[in-house]
Amino acid sequence: MARTRISGMYAKDLTKAGVRKALDPTGRLRPYDVKSVVRKADTVAVSILLSSSDTVVDQCYRFTRPIVGVNGQTPVAAAPVSSC
């Protein structure tokens, strides 16, 4: 779900607050903790700590995408990382 939502975001909304709102619009679920949003040249990297009530250990993921997309959907690479 996170990859799809980040893929469809406008470049101006790729901020910590913007990503948080896209992932949890109601603010009630809280499984996502957006740790950072870093822009470098024409790419943005989003680090998210994913929490689950089913697991003891939370997992960090880094989502990377071009800032400017085509046709409303931008390809997003996602990978688990050891720390946020």
N, C-alpha and C. Protein backbone atom coordinates (compact mmCIF):
# COMPACT_ATOMS: atom_id res chain seq x y z
N MET A 1 0.81 -1.19 0.00
CA MET A 1 0.00 0.00 0.00
C MET A 1 0.87 1.26 0.00
N ALA A 2 1.93 1.28 0.79
CA ALA A 2 2.77 2.47 0.87
C ALA A 2 3.38 2.79 -0.49
N ARG A 3 3.86 1.79 -1.19
CA ARG A 3 4.47 2.02 -2.51
C ARG A 3 3.46 2.65 -3.46
N THR A 4 2.23 2.15 -3.48
CA THR A 4 1.20 2.68 -4.37
C THR A 4 0.86 4.13 -4.02
N ARG A 5 0.72 4.42 -2.76
CA ARG A 5 0.36 5.79 -2.35
C ARG A 5 1.48 6.77 -2.63
N ILE A 6 2.72 6.39 -2.37
CA ILE A 6 3.86 7.28 -2.65
C ILE A 6 4.01 7.48 -4.15
N SER A 7 3.74 6.45 -4.92
CA SER A 7 3.81 6.53 -6.38
C SER A 7 2.86 7.57 -6.95
N GLY A 8 1.67 7.69 -6.37
CA GLY A 8 0.66 8.60 -6.89
C GLY A 8 0.71 10.01 -6.34
N MET A 9 1.69 10.32 -5.49
CA MET A 9 1.75 11.64 -4.86
C MET A 9 2.32 12.69 -5.81
N TYR A 10 1.83 13.92 -5.66
CA TYR A 10 2.41 15.05 -6.37
C TYR A 10 3.75 15.38 -5.73
N ALA A 11 4.70 15.88 -6.54
CA ALA A 11 6.05 16.19 -6.06
C ALA A 11 6.02 17.16 -4.88
N LYS A 12 5.13 18.14 -4.91
CA LYS A 12 5.08 19.14 -3.84
C LYS A 12 4.61 18.55 -2.51
N ASP A 13 3.94 17.39 -2.56
CA ASP A 13 3.43 16.75 -1.34
C ASP A 13 4.41 15.75 -0.74
N LEU A 14 5.57 15.57 -1.37
CA LEU A 14 6.56 14.62 -0.87
C LEU A 14 7.35 15.24 0.28
N THR A 15 6.66 15.39 1.40
CA THR A 15 7.23 15.89 2.65
C THR A 15 6.85 14.89 3.73
N LYS A 16 7.45 15.01 4.93
CA LYS A 16 7.07 14.09 6.00
C LYS A 16 5.58 14.15 6.28
N ALA A 17 5.06 15.36 6.40
CA ALA A 17 3.62 15.52 6.69
C ALA A 17 2.78 15.02 5.53
N GLY A 18 3.19 15.29 4.30
CA GLY A 18 2.43 14.85 3.13
C GLY A 18 2.38 13.34 2.99
N VAL A 19 3.53 12.70 3.21
CA VAL A 19 3.58 11.23 3.13
C VAL A 19 2.76 10.62 4.26
N ARG A 20 2.88 11.18 5.46
CA ARG A 20 2.11 10.67 6.61
C ARG A 20 0.61 10.74 6.31
N LYS A 21 0.17 11.85 5.74
CA LYS A 21 -1.25 12.01 5.42
C LYS A 21 -1.69 11.04 4.32
N ALA A 22 -0.82 10.81 3.33
CA ALA A 22 -1.16 9.88 2.25
C ALA A 22 -1.28 8.44 2.76
N LEU A 23 -0.44 8.08 3.73
CA LEU A 23 -0.44 6.72 4.25
C LEU A 23 -1.54 6.47 5.28
N ASP A 24 -1.88 7.52 6.02
CA ASP A 24 -2.88 7.38 7.09
C ASP A 24 -3.77 8.63 7.10
N PRO A 25 -4.66 8.76 6.11
CA PRO A 25 -5.46 9.98 5.97
C PRO A 25 -6.29 10.36 7.20
N THR A 26 -6.74 9.38 7.96
CA THR A 26 -7.58 9.68 9.12
C THR A 26 -6.75 9.95 10.38
N GLY A 27 -5.48 9.54 10.36
CA GLY A 27 -4.62 9.73 11.52
C GLY A 27 -4.92 8.77 12.65
N ARG A 28 -5.65 7.71 12.38
CA ARG A 28 -6.04 6.78 13.44
C ARG A 28 -5.31 5.44 13.40
N LEU A 29 -4.79 5.05 12.25
CA LEU A 29 -4.19 3.72 12.15
C LEU A 29 -2.79 3.65 12.76
N ARG A 30 -1.97 4.60 12.47
CA ARG A 30 -0.62 4.74 13.02
C ARG A 30 0.33 3.57 12.81
N PRO A 31 0.18 2.74 11.77
CA PRO A 31 1.19 1.70 11.59
C PRO A 31 2.46 2.24 10.93
N TYR A 32 2.36 3.47 10.37
CA TYR A 32 3.48 4.06 9.65
C TYR A 32 4.05 5.23 10.43
N ASP A 33 5.38 5.22 10.62
CA ASP A 33 6.07 6.36 11.21
C ASP A 33 7.06 6.86 10.17
N VAL A 34 6.75 7.99 9.54
CA VAL A 34 7.62 8.54 8.50
C VAL A 34 8.82 9.17 9.20
N LYS A 35 9.98 8.57 9.01
CA LYS A 35 11.20 9.01 9.70
C LYS A 35 11.91 10.13 8.95
N SER A 36 11.94 10.05 7.62
CA SER A 36 12.63 11.10 6.86
C SER A 36 12.16 11.11 5.42
N VAL A 37 12.29 12.28 4.82
CA VAL A 37 12.08 12.47 3.39
C VAL A 37 13.25 13.30 2.91
N VAL A 38 14.07 12.72 2.03
CA VAL A 38 15.29 13.39 1.57
C VAL A 38 15.25 13.53 0.06
N ARG A 39 15.45 14.77 -0.40
CA ARG A 39 15.50 15.04 -1.84
C ARG A 39 16.95 15.22 -2.25
N LYS A 40 17.33 14.52 -3.32
CA LYS A 40 18.66 14.68 -3.91
C LYS A 40 18.50 14.71 -5.42
N ALA A 41 18.91 15.82 -5.99
CA ALA A 41 18.79 16.03 -7.44
C ALA A 41 17.35 15.79 -7.87
N ASP A 42 17.09 14.75 -8.67
CA ASP A 42 15.74 14.50 -9.16
C ASP A 42 15.08 13.28 -8.52
N THR A 43 15.57 12.90 -7.32
CA THR A 43 15.07 11.72 -6.63
C THR A 43 14.68 12.07 -5.19
N VAL A 44 13.71 11.38 -4.68
CA VAL A 44 13.33 11.53 -3.27
C VAL A 44 13.35 10.15 -2.62
N ALA A 45 13.88 10.09 -1.38
CA ALA A 45 13.92 8.86 -0.61
C ALA A 45 13.11 9.06 0.67
N VAL A 46 12.19 8.15 0.92
CA VAL A 46 11.32 8.21 2.09
C VAL A 46 11.63 7.01 2.98
N SER A 47 11.97 7.26 4.24
CA SER A 47 12.22 6.19 5.20
C SER A 47 11.02 6.09 6.14
N ILE A 48 10.48 4.88 6.25
CA ILE A 48 9.28 4.64 7.05
C ILE A 48 9.51 3.46 7.98
N LEU A 49 9.14 3.63 9.24
CA LEU A 49 9.16 2.53 10.20
C LEU A 49 7.75 1.95 10.23
N LEU A 50 7.64 0.69 9.86
CA LEU A 50 6.35 0.02 9.82
C LEU A 50 6.16 -0.81 11.08
N SER A 51 5.10 -0.53 11.80
CA SER A 51 4.78 -1.27 13.03
C SER A 51 3.62 -2.20 12.77
N SER A 52 3.64 -3.31 13.44
CA SER A 52 2.55 -4.27 13.32
C SER A 52 2.27 -4.88 14.68
N SER A 53 1.03 -5.05 14.98
CA SER A 53 0.67 -5.68 16.25
C SER A 53 0.98 -7.18 16.22
N ASP A 54 1.21 -7.72 15.02
CA ASP A 54 1.49 -9.16 14.89
C ASP A 54 2.95 -9.51 15.16
N THR A 55 3.84 -8.51 15.12
CA THR A 55 5.27 -8.79 15.26
C THR A 55 5.84 -8.06 16.47
N VAL A 56 6.92 -8.60 16.97
CA VAL A 56 7.61 -7.97 18.09
C VAL A 56 8.55 -6.89 17.58
N VAL A 57 9.11 -7.10 16.41
CA VAL A 57 10.11 -6.19 15.84
C VAL A 57 9.48 -5.38 14.72
N ASP A 58 9.68 -4.08 14.76
CA ASP A 58 9.22 -3.21 13.67
C ASP A 58 10.26 -3.25 12.56
N GLN A 59 9.85 -2.88 11.34
CA GLN A 59 10.75 -2.93 10.19
C GLN A 59 10.80 -1.58 9.49
N CYS A 60 12.01 -1.16 9.15
CA CYS A 60 12.21 0.06 8.39
C CYS A 60 12.25 -0.25 6.89
N TYR A 61 11.65 0.63 6.11
CA TYR A 61 11.69 0.51 4.65
C TYR A 61 12.10 1.84 4.05
N ARG A 62 12.84 1.77 2.94
CA ARG A 62 13.18 2.98 2.20
C ARG A 62 12.52 2.88 0.83
N PHE A 63 11.74 3.91 0.52
CA PHE A 63 11.06 4.03 -0.77
C PHE A 63 11.76 5.13 -1.56
N THR A 64 12.14 4.82 -2.79
CA THR A 64 12.85 5.78 -3.63
C THR A 64 12.09 5.96 -4.93
N ARG A 65 11.92 7.22 -5.33
CA ARG A 65 11.23 7.50 -6.59
C ARG A 65 11.74 8.81 -7.19
N PRO A 66 11.57 8.95 -8.51
CA PRO A 66 11.87 10.24 -9.13
C PRO A 66 10.89 11.29 -8.59
N ILE A 67 11.33 12.52 -8.50
CA ILE A 67 10.44 13.57 -8.02
C ILE A 67 9.32 13.83 -9.01
N VAL A 68 9.64 13.86 -10.28
CA VAL A 68 8.63 14.14 -11.31
C VAL A 68 8.22 12.83 -11.96
N GLY A 69 6.92 12.59 -12.02
CA GLY A 69 6.40 11.37 -12.60
C GLY A 69 5.74 11.62 -13.94
N VAL A 70 5.26 10.54 -14.53
CA VAL A 70 4.57 10.60 -15.82
C VAL A 70 3.19 9.96 -15.65
N ASN A 71 2.16 10.64 -16.16
CA ASN A 71 0.80 10.11 -16.15
C ASN A 71 0.26 9.79 -14.75
N GLY A 72 0.68 10.54 -13.75
CA GLY A 72 0.12 10.39 -12.43
C GLY A 72 0.66 9.25 -11.59
N GLN A 73 1.40 8.32 -12.18
CA GLN A 73 2.01 7.23 -11.42
C GLN A 73 3.50 7.23 -11.68
N THR A 74 4.27 7.17 -10.63
CA THR A 74 5.72 7.20 -10.73
C THR A 74 6.26 5.90 -10.15
N PRO A 75 7.21 5.25 -10.85
CA PRO A 75 7.75 4.00 -10.31
C PRO A 75 8.46 4.24 -8.98
N VAL A 76 8.22 3.36 -8.03
CA VAL A 76 8.81 3.47 -6.70
C VAL A 76 9.53 2.17 -6.38
N ALA A 77 10.81 2.31 -5.97
CA ALA A 77 11.57 1.14 -5.49
C ALA A 77 11.41 1.10 -3.97
N ALA A 78 11.21 -0.09 -3.43
CA ALA A 78 11.06 -0.26 -1.99
C ALA A 78 12.01 -1.36 -1.52
N ALA A 79 12.66 -1.11 -0.38
CA ALA A 79 13.58 -2.10 0.16
C ALA A 79 13.60 -2.01 1.68
N PRO A 80 13.65 -3.16 2.35
CA PRO A 80 13.81 -3.11 3.80
C PRO A 80 15.24 -2.65 4.12
N VAL A 81 15.39 -1.87 5.17
CA VAL A 81 16.70 -1.38 5.58
C VAL A 81 16.88 -1.65 7.08
N SER A 82 18.13 -1.69 7.52
CA SER A 82 18.40 -2.06 8.92
C SER A 82 18.05 -0.96 9.90
N SER A 83 18.08 0.30 9.45
CA SER A 83 17.71 1.39 10.35
C SER A 83 17.14 2.55 9.55
N CYS A 84 16.36 3.36 10.22
CA CYS A 84 15.76 4.52 9.56
C CYS A 84 16.68 5.70 9.74
